Amino acid sequence: MDKIKDLLLDLEKKVEANMKELSRLREENDVLLEKNKTLIREKNNVVSDFDSLDEKFKALKIANTISGSENNINETRSEINSLIREIDLCISQLSE
């Protein structure tokens, strides 16, 4: 009979230990989920900032190319042709 009580006490201790560990793991999971959400928001902000800076860079590049310095004549012509093709594509899509 004492052996059964000892086994039950041992089992009860193990269950309590497992419950504490489960509780700790749940808390850790909650912290990690919150950290994950924060990192996702930060990543989205960085991607948005990058896209914005990329657009500004493209605009500056176009402005620099169109400024028509003697060194960039071929690049300027190429950029103008590219812009014309883009405008023609937009016009054709609007006319459909």
PDB file of N, CA and C in Angstrom:
ATOM      1  N   MET A   1       0.824  -1.186   0.000  1.00  0.00           N
ATOM      2  CA  MET A   1       0.000   0.000   0.000  1.00  0.00           C
ATOM      3  C   MET A   1       0.868   1.249   0.000  1.00  0.00           C
ATOM      4  N   ASP A   2       1.967   1.187   0.796  1.00  0.00           N
ATOM      5  CA  ASP A   2       2.871   2.327   0.834  1.00  0.00           C
ATOM      6  C   ASP A   2       3.533   2.548  -0.523  1.00  0.00           C
ATOM      7  N   LYS A   3       3.765   1.473  -1.217  1.00  0.00           N
ATOM      8  CA  LYS A   3       4.391   1.575  -2.529  1.00  0.00           C
ATOM      9  C   LYS A   3       3.476   2.327  -3.498  1.00  0.00           C
ATOM     10  N   ILE A   4       2.183   2.077  -3.419  1.00  0.00           N
ATOM     11  CA  ILE A   4       1.211   2.753  -4.279  1.00  0.00           C
ATOM     12  C   ILE A   4       1.156   4.237  -3.935  1.00  0.00           C
ATOM     13  N   LYS A   5       1.178   4.557  -2.632  1.00  0.00           N
ATOM     14  CA  LYS A   5       1.170   5.961  -2.213  1.00  0.00           C
ATOM     15  C   LYS A   5       2.425   6.675  -2.712  1.00  0.00           C
ATOM     16  N   ASP A   6       3.556   5.993  -2.602  1.00  0.00           N
ATOM     17  CA  ASP A   6       4.803   6.591  -3.082  1.00  0.00           C
ATOM     18  C   ASP A   6       4.741   6.840  -4.597  1.00  0.00           C
ATOM     19  N   LEU A   7       4.198   5.872  -5.309  1.00  0.00           N
ATOM     20  CA  LEU A   7       4.055   6.032  -6.753  1.00  0.00           C
ATOM     21  C   LEU A   7       3.108   7.183  -7.092  1.00  0.00           C
ATOM     22  N   LEU A   8       2.005   7.291  -6.339  1.00  0.00           N
ATOM     23  CA  LEU A   8       1.054   8.381  -6.577  1.00  0.00           C
ATOM     24  C   LEU A   8       1.682   9.734  -6.251  1.00  0.00           C
ATOM     25  N   LEU A   9       2.424   9.810  -5.158  1.00  0.00           N
ATOM     26  CA  LEU A   9       3.103  11.063  -4.801  1.00  0.00           C
ATOM     27  C   LEU A   9       4.133  11.443  -5.869  1.00  0.00           C
ATOM     28  N   ASP A  10       4.866  10.450  -6.323  1.00  0.00           N
ATOM     29  CA  ASP A  10       5.853  10.695  -7.370  1.00  0.00           C
ATOM     30  C   ASP A  10       5.167  11.167  -8.656  1.00  0.00           C
ATOM     31  N   LEU A  11       4.074  10.518  -8.993  1.00  0.00           N
ATOM     32  CA  LEU A  11       3.296  10.898 -10.174  1.00  0.00           C
ATOM     33  C   LEU A  11       2.739  12.312 -10.024  1.00  0.00           C
ATOM     34  N   GLU A  12       2.242  12.634  -8.834  1.00  0.00           N
ATOM     35  CA  GLU A  12       1.709  13.967  -8.570  1.00  0.00           C
ATOM     36  C   GLU A  12       2.801  15.027  -8.717  1.00  0.00           C
ATOM     37  N   LYS A  13       3.998  14.751  -8.225  1.00  0.00           N
ATOM     38  CA  LYS A  13       5.117  15.692  -8.350  1.00  0.00           C
ATOM     39  C   LYS A  13       5.484  15.900  -9.817  1.00  0.00           C
ATOM     40  N   LYS A  14       5.481  14.808 -10.562  1.00  0.00           N
ATOM     41  CA  LYS A  14       5.805  14.904 -11.983  1.00  0.00           C
ATOM     42  C   LYS A  14       4.737  15.706 -12.735  1.00  0.00           C
ATOM     43  N   VAL A  15       3.480  15.502 -12.388  1.00  0.00           N
ATOM     44  CA  VAL A  15       2.392  16.242 -13.023  1.00  0.00           C
ATOM     45  C   VAL A  15       2.517  17.729 -12.693  1.00  0.00           C
ATOM     46  N   GLU A  16       2.823  18.056 -11.437  1.00  0.00           N
ATOM     47  CA  GLU A  16       3.003  19.455 -11.036  1.00  0.00           C
ATOM     48  C   GLU A  16       4.183  20.080 -11.786  1.00  0.00           C
ATOM     49  N   ALA A  17       5.258  19.334 -11.896  1.00  0.00           N
ATOM     50  CA  ALA A  17       6.432  19.838 -12.609  1.00  0.00           C
ATOM     51  C   ALA A  17       6.094  20.075 -14.083  1.00  0.00           C
ATOM     52  N   ASN A  18       5.354  19.131 -14.653  1.00  0.00           N
ATOM     53  CA  ASN A  18       4.961  19.280 -16.056  1.00  0.00           C
ATOM     54  C   ASN A  18       4.005  20.460 -16.247  1.00  0.00           C
ATOM     55  N   MET A  19       3.115  20.673 -15.283  1.00  0.00           N
ATOM     56  CA  MET A  19       2.184  21.805 -15.360  1.00  0.00           C
ATOM     57  C   MET A  19       2.950  23.132 -15.278  1.00  0.00           C
ATOM     58  N   LYS A  20       3.944  23.203 -14.389  1.00  0.00           N
ATOM     59  CA  LYS A  20       4.766  24.412 -14.279  1.00  0.00           C
ATOM     60  C   LYS A  20       5.537  24.652 -15.574  1.00  0.00           C
ATOM     61  N   GLU A  21       6.088  23.584 -16.122  1.00  0.00           N
ATOM     62  CA  GLU A  21       6.839  23.698 -17.374  1.00  0.00           C
ATOM     63  C   GLU A  21       5.912  24.135 -18.513  1.00  0.00           C
ATOM     64  N   LEU A  22       4.711  23.587 -18.554  1.00  0.00           N
ATOM     65  CA  LEU A  22       3.722  23.970 -19.561  1.00  0.00           C
ATOM     66  C   LEU A  22       3.371  25.440 -19.425  1.00  0.00           C
ATOM     67  N   SER A  23       3.174  25.894 -18.211  1.00  0.00           N
ATOM     68  CA  SER A  23       2.863  27.300 -17.968  1.00  0.00           C
ATOM     69  C   SER A  23       4.019  28.192 -18.416  1.00  0.00           C
ATOM     70  N   ARG A  24       5.240  27.794 -18.084  1.00  0.00           N
ATOM     71  CA  ARG A  24       6.415  28.570 -18.492  1.00  0.00           C
ATOM     72  C   ARG A  24       6.537  28.630 -20.004  1.00  0.00           C
ATOM     73  N   LEU A  25       6.300  27.499 -20.655  1.00  0.00           N
ATOM     74  CA  LEU A  25       6.385  27.443 -22.113  1.00  0.00           C
ATOM     75  C   LEU A  25       5.300  28.292 -22.768  1.00  0.00           C
ATOM     76  N   ARG A  26       4.114  28.309 -22.184  1.00  0.00           N
ATOM     77  CA  ARG A  26       3.042  29.152 -22.728  1.00  0.00           C
ATOM     78  C   ARG A  26       3.405  30.632 -22.614  1.00  0.00           C
ATOM     79  N   GLU A  27       3.965  31.011 -21.463  1.00  0.00           N
ATOM     80  CA  GLU A  27       4.390  32.404 -21.286  1.00  0.00           C
ATOM     81  C   GLU A  27       5.488  32.764 -22.286  1.00  0.00           C
ATOM     82  N   GLU A  28       6.442  31.852 -22.441  1.00  0.00           N
ATOM     83  CA  GLU A  28       7.521  32.083 -23.406  1.00  0.00           C
ATOM     84  C   GLU A  28       6.963  32.191 -24.826  1.00  0.00           C
ATOM     85  N   ASN A  29       5.996  31.354 -25.147  1.00  0.00           N
ATOM     86  CA  ASN A  29       5.353  31.388 -26.458  1.00  0.00           C
ATOM     87  C   ASN A  29       4.647  32.728 -26.678  1.00  0.00           C
ATOM     88  N   ASP A  30       3.955  33.212 -25.658  1.00  0.00           N
ATOM     89  CA  ASP A  30       3.285  34.509 -25.769  1.00  0.00           C
ATOM     90  C   ASP A  30       4.288  35.629 -26.023  1.00  0.00           C
ATOM     91  N   VAL A  31       5.407  35.583 -25.303  1.00  0.00           N
ATOM     92  CA  VAL A  31       6.453  36.601 -25.490  1.00  0.00           C
ATOM     93  C   VAL A  31       7.013  36.520 -26.908  1.00  0.00           C
ATOM     94  N   LEU A  32       7.265  35.309 -27.372  1.00  0.00           N
ATOM     95  CA  LEU A  32       7.816  35.134 -28.708  1.00  0.00           C
ATOM     96  C   LEU A  32       6.823  35.552 -29.794  1.00  0.00           C
ATOM     97  N   LEU A  33       5.544  35.271 -29.586  1.00  0.00           N
ATOM     98  CA  LEU A  33       4.535  35.702 -30.551  1.00  0.00           C
ATOM     99  C   LEU A  33       4.473  37.225 -30.633  1.00  0.00           C
ATOM    100  N   GLU A  34       4.549  37.885 -29.493  1.00  0.00           N
ATOM    101  CA  GLU A  34       4.529  39.350 -29.481  1.00  0.00           C
ATOM    102  C   GLU A  34       5.778  39.910 -30.157  1.00  0.00           C
ATOM    103  N   LYS A  35       6.913  39.294 -29.863  1.00  0.00           N
ATOM    104  CA  LYS A  35       8.162  39.725 -30.497  1.00  0.00           C
ATOM    105  C   LYS A  35       8.078  39.516 -32.005  1.00  0.00           C
ATOM    106  N   ASN A  36       7.500  38.421 -32.434  1.00  0.00           N
ATOM    107  CA  ASN A  36       7.325  38.132 -33.851  1.00  0.00           C
ATOM    108  C   ASN A  36       6.453  39.205 -34.509  1.00  0.00           C
ATOM    109  N   LYS A  37       5.357  39.584 -33.861  1.00  0.00           N
ATOM    110  CA  LYS A  37       4.488  40.629 -34.407  1.00  0.00           C
ATOM    111  C   LYS A  37       5.247  41.949 -34.531  1.00  0.00           C
ATOM    112  N   THR A  38       6.039  42.267 -33.521  1.00  0.00           N
ATOM    113  CA  THR A  38       6.823  43.501 -33.546  1.00  0.00           C
ATOM    114  C   THR A  38       7.826  43.474 -34.690  1.00  0.00           C
ATOM    115  N   LEU A  39       8.502  42.344 -34.854  1.00  0.00           N
ATOM    116  CA  LEU A  39       9.479  42.225 -35.931  1.00  0.00           C
ATOM    117  C   LEU A  39       8.821  42.293 -37.298  1.00  0.00           C
ATOM    118  N   ILE A  40       7.632  41.741 -37.430  1.00  0.00           N
ATOM    119  CA  ILE A  40       6.907  41.812 -38.703  1.00  0.00           C
ATOM    120  C   ILE A  40       6.546  43.263 -39.006  1.00  0.00           C
ATOM    121  N   ARG A  41       6.085  44.005 -37.975  1.00  0.00           N
ATOM    122  CA  ARG A  41       5.772  45.429 -38.186  1.00  0.00           C
ATOM    123  C   ARG A  41       7.020  46.204 -38.588  1.00  0.00           C
ATOM    124  N   GLU A  42       8.124  45.934 -37.908  1.00  0.00           N
ATOM    125  CA  GLU A  42       9.381  46.615 -38.236  1.00  0.00           C
ATOM    126  C   GLU A  42       9.825  46.288 -39.654  1.00  0.00           C
ATOM    127  N   LYS A  43       9.707  45.016 -40.046  1.00  0.00           N
ATOM    128  CA  LYS A  43      10.087  44.607 -41.396  1.00  0.00           C
ATOM    129  C   LYS A  43       9.229  45.320 -42.424  1.00  0.00           C
ATOM    130  N   ASN A  44       7.928  45.388 -42.165  1.00  0.00           N
ATOM    131  CA  ASN A  44       7.028  46.074 -43.102  1.00  0.00           C
ATOM    132  C   ASN A  44       7.380  47.545 -43.219  1.00  0.00           C
ATOM    133  N   ASN A  45       7.743  48.166 -42.088  1.00  0.00           N
ATOM    134  CA  ASN A  45       8.157  49.569 -42.122  1.00  0.00           C
ATOM    135  C   ASN A  45       9.439  49.741 -42.937  1.00  0.00           C
ATOM    136  N   VAL A  46      10.389  48.832 -42.747  1.00  0.00           N
ATOM    137  CA  VAL A  46      11.643  48.908 -43.489  1.00  0.00           C
ATOM    138  C   VAL A  46      11.395  48.702 -44.983  1.00  0.00           C
ATOM    139  N   VAL A  47      10.555  47.747 -45.327  1.00  0.00           N
ATOM    140  CA  VAL A  47      10.228  47.512 -46.733  1.00  0.00           C
ATOM    141  C   VAL A  47       9.550  48.742 -47.332  1.00  0.00           C
ATOM    142  N   SER A  48       8.640  49.335 -46.583  1.00  0.00           N
ATOM    143  CA  SER A  48       7.968  50.544 -47.052  1.00  0.00           C
ATOM    144  C   SER A  48       8.955  51.683 -47.244  1.00  0.00           C
ATOM    145  N   ASP A  49       9.853  51.864 -46.273  1.00  0.00           N
ATOM    146  CA  ASP A  49      10.879  52.897 -46.399  1.00  0.00           C
ATOM    147  C   ASP A  49      11.784  52.631 -47.601  1.00  0.00           C
ATOM    148  N   PHE A  50      12.152  51.373 -47.793  1.00  0.00           N
ATOM    149  CA  PHE A  50      12.999  51.014 -48.921  1.00  0.00           C
ATOM    150  C   PHE A  50      12.302  51.326 -50.235  1.00  0.00           C
ATOM    151  N   ASP A  51      11.030  50.953 -50.343  1.00  0.00           N
ATOM    152  CA  ASP A  51      10.280  51.228 -51.570  1.00  0.00           C
ATOM    153  C   ASP A  51      10.206  52.727 -51.847  1.00  0.00           C
ATOM    154  N   SER A  52       9.970  53.489 -50.788  1.00  0.00           N
ATOM    155  CA  SER A  52       9.911  54.937 -50.934  1.00  0.00           C
ATOM    156  C   SER A  52      11.257  55.495 -51.395  1.00  0.00           C
ATOM    157  N   LEU A  53      12.328  55.049 -50.776  1.00  0.00           N
ATOM    158  CA  LEU A  53      13.656  55.509 -51.172  1.00  0.00           C
ATOM    159  C   LEU A  53      14.016  55.055 -52.585  1.00  0.00           C
ATOM    160  N   ASP A  54      13.582  53.860 -52.953  1.00  0.00           N
ATOM    161  CA  ASP A  54      13.835  53.360 -54.296  1.00  0.00           C
ATOM    162  C   ASP A  54      13.134  54.233 -55.332  1.00  0.00           C
ATOM    163  N   GLU A  55      11.890  54.614 -55.047  1.00  0.00           N
ATOM    164  CA  GLU A  55      11.155  55.502 -55.959  1.00  0.00           C
ATOM    165  C   GLU A  55      11.845  56.857 -56.067  1.00  0.00           C
ATOM    166  N   LYS A  56      12.303  57.389 -54.933  1.00  0.00           N
ATOM    167  CA  LYS A  56      13.020  58.665 -54.961  1.00  0.00           C
ATOM    168  C   LYS A  56      14.318  58.540 -55.757  1.00  0.00           C
ATOM    169  N   PHE A  57      15.013  57.419 -55.581  1.00  0.00           N
ATOM    170  CA  PHE A  57      16.246  57.201 -56.321  1.00  0.00           C
ATOM    171  C   PHE A  57      15.979  57.157 -57.822  1.00  0.00           C
ATOM    172  N   LYS A  58      14.927  56.436 -58.214  1.00  0.00           N
ATOM    173  CA  LYS A  58      14.578  56.358 -59.636  1.00  0.00           C
ATOM    174  C   LYS A  58      14.252  57.747 -60.183  1.00  0.00           C
ATOM    175  N   ALA A  59      13.500  58.532 -59.403  1.00  0.00           N
ATOM    176  CA  ALA A  59      13.152  59.885 -59.845  1.00  0.00           C
ATOM    177  C   ALA A  59      14.403  60.745 -59.984  1.00  0.00           C
ATOM    178  N   LEU A  60      15.332  60.637 -59.030  1.00  0.00           N
ATOM    179  CA  LEU A  60      16.579  61.390 -59.116  1.00  0.00           C
ATOM    180  C   LEU A  60      17.420  60.937 -60.302  1.00  0.00           C
ATOM    181  N   LYS A  61      17.430  59.649 -60.536  1.00  0.00           N
ATOM    182  CA  LYS A  61      18.194  59.115 -61.658  1.00  0.00           C
ATOM    183  C   LYS A  61      17.626  59.625 -62.972  1.00  0.00           C
ATOM    184  N   ILE A  62      16.301  59.612 -63.076  1.00  0.00           N
ATOM    185  CA  ILE A  62      15.657  60.122 -64.288  1.00  0.00           C
ATOM    186  C   ILE A  62      15.943  61.608 -64.455  1.00  0.00           C
ATOM    187  N   ALA A  63      15.818  62.368 -63.362  1.00  0.00           N
ATOM    188  CA  ALA A  63      16.075  63.807 -63.429  1.00  0.00           C
ATOM    189  C   ALA A  63      17.520  64.074 -63.832  1.00  0.00           C
ATOM    190  N   ASN A  64      18.432  63.306 -63.286  1.00  0.00           N
ATOM    191  CA  ASN A  64      19.848  63.477 -63.627  1.00  0.00           C
ATOM    192  C   ASN A  64      20.093  63.114 -65.083  1.00  0.00           C
ATOM    193  N   THR A  65      19.464  62.054 -65.539  1.00  0.00           N
ATOM    194  CA  THR A  65      19.638  61.619 -66.919  1.00  0.00           C
ATOM    195  C   THR A  65      19.042  62.639 -67.884  1.00  0.00           C
ATOM    196  N   ILE A  66      17.864  63.146 -67.549  1.00  0.00           N
ATOM    197  CA  ILE A  66      17.178  64.094 -68.424  1.00  0.00           C
ATOM    198  C   ILE A  66      17.877  65.452 -68.415  1.00  0.00           C
ATOM    199  N   SER A  67      18.619  65.743 -67.376  1.00  0.00           N
ATOM    200  CA  SER A  67      19.314  67.024 -67.331  1.00  0.00           C
ATOM    201  C   SER A  67      20.258  67.165 -68.520  1.00  0.00           C
ATOM    202  N   GLY A  68      20.629  66.048 -69.118  1.00  0.00           N
ATOM    203  CA  GLY A  68      21.308  66.048 -70.405  1.00  0.00           C
ATOM    204  C   GLY A  68      22.744  66.501 -70.388  1.00  0.00           C
ATOM    205  N   SER A  69      23.476  66.120 -69.400  1.00  0.00           N
ATOM    206  CA  SER A  69      24.898  66.458 -69.427  1.00  0.00           C
ATOM    207  C   SER A  69      25.541  65.773 -70.627  1.00  0.00           C
ATOM    208  N   GLU A  70      26.598  66.318 -71.125  1.00  0.00           N
ATOM    209  CA  GLU A  70      27.236  65.814 -72.343  1.00  0.00           C
ATOM    210  C   GLU A  70      27.700  64.370 -72.192  1.00  0.00           C
ATOM    211  N   ASN A  71      28.017  63.969 -70.993  1.00  0.00           N
ATOM    212  CA  ASN A  71      28.511  62.603 -70.761  1.00  0.00           C
ATOM    213  C   ASN A  71      27.403  61.569 -70.869  1.00  0.00           C
ATOM    214  N   ASN A  72      26.167  61.989 -70.682  1.00  0.00           N
ATOM    215  CA  ASN A  72      25.064  61.032 -70.599  1.00  0.00           C
ATOM    216  C   ASN A  72      24.090  61.133 -71.767  1.00  0.00           C
ATOM    217  N   ILE A  73      24.513  61.556 -72.935  1.00  0.00           N
ATOM    218  CA  ILE A  73      23.597  61.748 -74.059  1.00  0.00           C
ATOM    219  C   ILE A  73      22.900  60.433 -74.420  1.00  0.00           C
ATOM    220  N   ASN A  74      23.663  59.362 -74.568  1.00  0.00           N
ATOM    221  CA  ASN A  74      23.055  58.073 -74.936  1.00  0.00           C
ATOM    222  C   ASN A  74      22.126  57.577 -73.838  1.00  0.00           C
ATOM    223  N   GLU A  75      22.546  57.730 -72.604  1.00  0.00           N
ATOM    224  CA  GLU A  75      21.695  57.312 -71.481  1.00  0.00           C
ATOM    225  C   GLU A  75      20.433  58.163 -71.432  1.00  0.00           C
ATOM    226  N   THR A  76      20.572  59.454 -71.717  1.00  0.00           N
ATOM    227  CA  THR A  76      19.416  60.359 -71.725  1.00  0.00           C
ATOM    228  C   THR A  76      18.433  59.929 -72.801  1.00  0.00           C
ATOM    229  N   ARG A  77      18.934  59.658 -74.004  1.00  0.00           N
ATOM    230  CA  ARG A  77      18.060  59.206 -75.105  1.00  0.00           C
ATOM    231  C   ARG A  77      17.362  57.899 -74.741  1.00  0.00           C
ATOM    232  N   SER A  78      18.126  56.985 -74.163  1.00  0.00           N
ATOM    233  CA  SER A  78      17.564  55.693 -73.766  1.00  0.00           C
ATOM    234  C   SER A  78      16.466  55.876 -72.719  1.00  0.00           C
ATOM    235  N   GLU A  79      16.707  56.750 -71.755  1.00  0.00           N
ATOM    236  CA  GLU A  79      15.712  56.987 -70.692  1.00  0.00           C
ATOM    237  C   GLU A  79      14.460  57.645 -71.266  1.00  0.00           C
ATOM    238  N   ILE A  80      14.648  58.591 -72.161  1.00  0.00           N
ATOM    239  CA  ILE A  80      13.490  59.252 -72.793  1.00  0.00           C
ATOM    240  C   ILE A  80      12.694  58.236 -73.601  1.00  0.00           C
ATOM    241  N   ASN A  81      13.369  57.389 -74.358  1.00  0.00           N
ATOM    242  CA  ASN A  81      12.664  56.348 -75.129  1.00  0.00           C
ATOM    243  C   ASN A  81      11.913  55.395 -74.201  1.00  0.00           C
ATOM    244  N   SER A  82      12.527  55.059 -73.096  1.00  0.00           N
ATOM    245  CA  SER A  82      11.874  54.190 -72.123  1.00  0.00           C
ATOM    246  C   SER A  82      10.616  54.848 -71.558  1.00  0.00           C
ATOM    247  N   LEU A  83      10.720  56.138 -71.237  1.00  0.00           N
ATOM    248  CA  LEU A  83       9.550  56.865 -70.721  1.00  0.00           C
ATOM    249  C   LEU A  83       8.451  56.958 -71.772  1.00  0.00           C
ATOM    250  N   ILE A  84       8.842  57.169 -73.020  1.00  0.00           N
ATOM    251  CA  ILE A  84       7.849  57.239 -74.099  1.00  0.00           C
ATOM    252  C   ILE A  84       7.137  55.901 -74.256  1.00  0.00           C
ATOM    253  N   ARG A  85       7.901  54.808 -74.212  1.00  0.00           N
ATOM    254  CA  ARG A  85       7.272  53.476 -74.303  1.00  0.00           C
ATOM    255  C   ARG A  85       6.304  53.249 -73.143  1.00  0.00           C
ATOM    256  N   GLU A  86       6.698  53.680 -71.952  1.00  0.00           N
ATOM    257  CA  GLU A  86       5.832  53.528 -70.780  1.00  0.00           C
ATOM    258  C   GLU A  86       4.557  54.354 -70.942  1.00  0.00           C
ATOM    259  N   ILE A  87       4.688  55.564 -71.457  1.00  0.00           N
ATOM    260  CA  ILE A  87       3.508  56.422 -71.693  1.00  0.00           C
ATOM    261  C   ILE A  87       2.616  55.793 -72.745  1.00  0.00           C
ATOM    262  N   ASP A  88       3.208  55.280 -73.833  1.00  0.00           N
ATOM    263  CA  ASP A  88       2.429  54.615 -74.893  1.00  0.00           C
ATOM    264  C   ASP A  88       1.679  53.406 -74.336  1.00  0.00           C
ATOM    265  N   LEU A  89       2.323  52.652 -73.464  1.00  0.00           N
ATOM    266  CA  LEU A  89       1.658  51.498 -72.848  1.00  0.00           C
ATOM    267  C   LEU A  89       0.477  51.931 -72.008  1.00  0.00           C
ATOM    268  N   CYS A  90       0.662  53.014 -71.233  1.00  0.00           N
ATOM    269  CA  CYS A  90      -0.432  53.537 -70.411  1.00  0.00           C
ATOM    270  C   CYS A  90      -1.603  54.013 -71.278  1.00  0.00           C
ATOM    271  N   ILE A  91      -1.285  54.688 -72.351  1.00  0.00           N
ATOM    272  CA  ILE A  91      -2.332  55.180 -73.263  1.00  0.00           C
ATOM    273  C   ILE A  91      -3.079  54.016 -73.892  1.00  0.00           C
ATOM    274  N   SER A  92      -2.345  52.984 -74.312  1.00  0.00           N
ATOM    275  CA  SER A  92      -3.023  51.836 -74.924  1.00  0.00           C
ATOM    276  C   SER A  92      -3.904  51.108 -73.912  1.00  0.00           C
ATOM    277  N   GLN A  93      -3.481  51.046 -72.651  1.00  0.00           N
ATOM    278  CA  GLN A  93      -4.310  50.403 -71.634  1.00  0.00           C
ATOM    279  C   GLN A  93      -5.549  51.231 -71.340  1.00  0.00           C
ATOM    280  N   LEU A  94      -5.421  52.538 -71.384  1.00  0.00           N
ATOM    281  CA  LEU A  94      -6.577  53.401 -71.139  1.00  0.00           C
ATOM    282  C   LEU A  94      -7.589  53.339 -72.292  1.00  0.00           C
ATOM    283  N   SER A  95      -7.093  53.131 -73.494  1.00  0.00           N
ATOM    284  CA  SER A  95      -7.988  53.117 -74.654  1.00  0.00           C
ATOM    285  C   SER A  95      -8.737  51.800 -74.808  1.00  0.00           C
ATOM    286  N   GLU A  96      -8.323  50.784 -74.061  1.00  0.00           N
ATOM    287  CA  GLU A  96      -9.003  49.474 -74.162  1.00  0.00           C
ATOM    288  C   GLU A  96     -10.332  49.458 -73.489  1.00  0.00           C
TER     289      GLU A  96
END
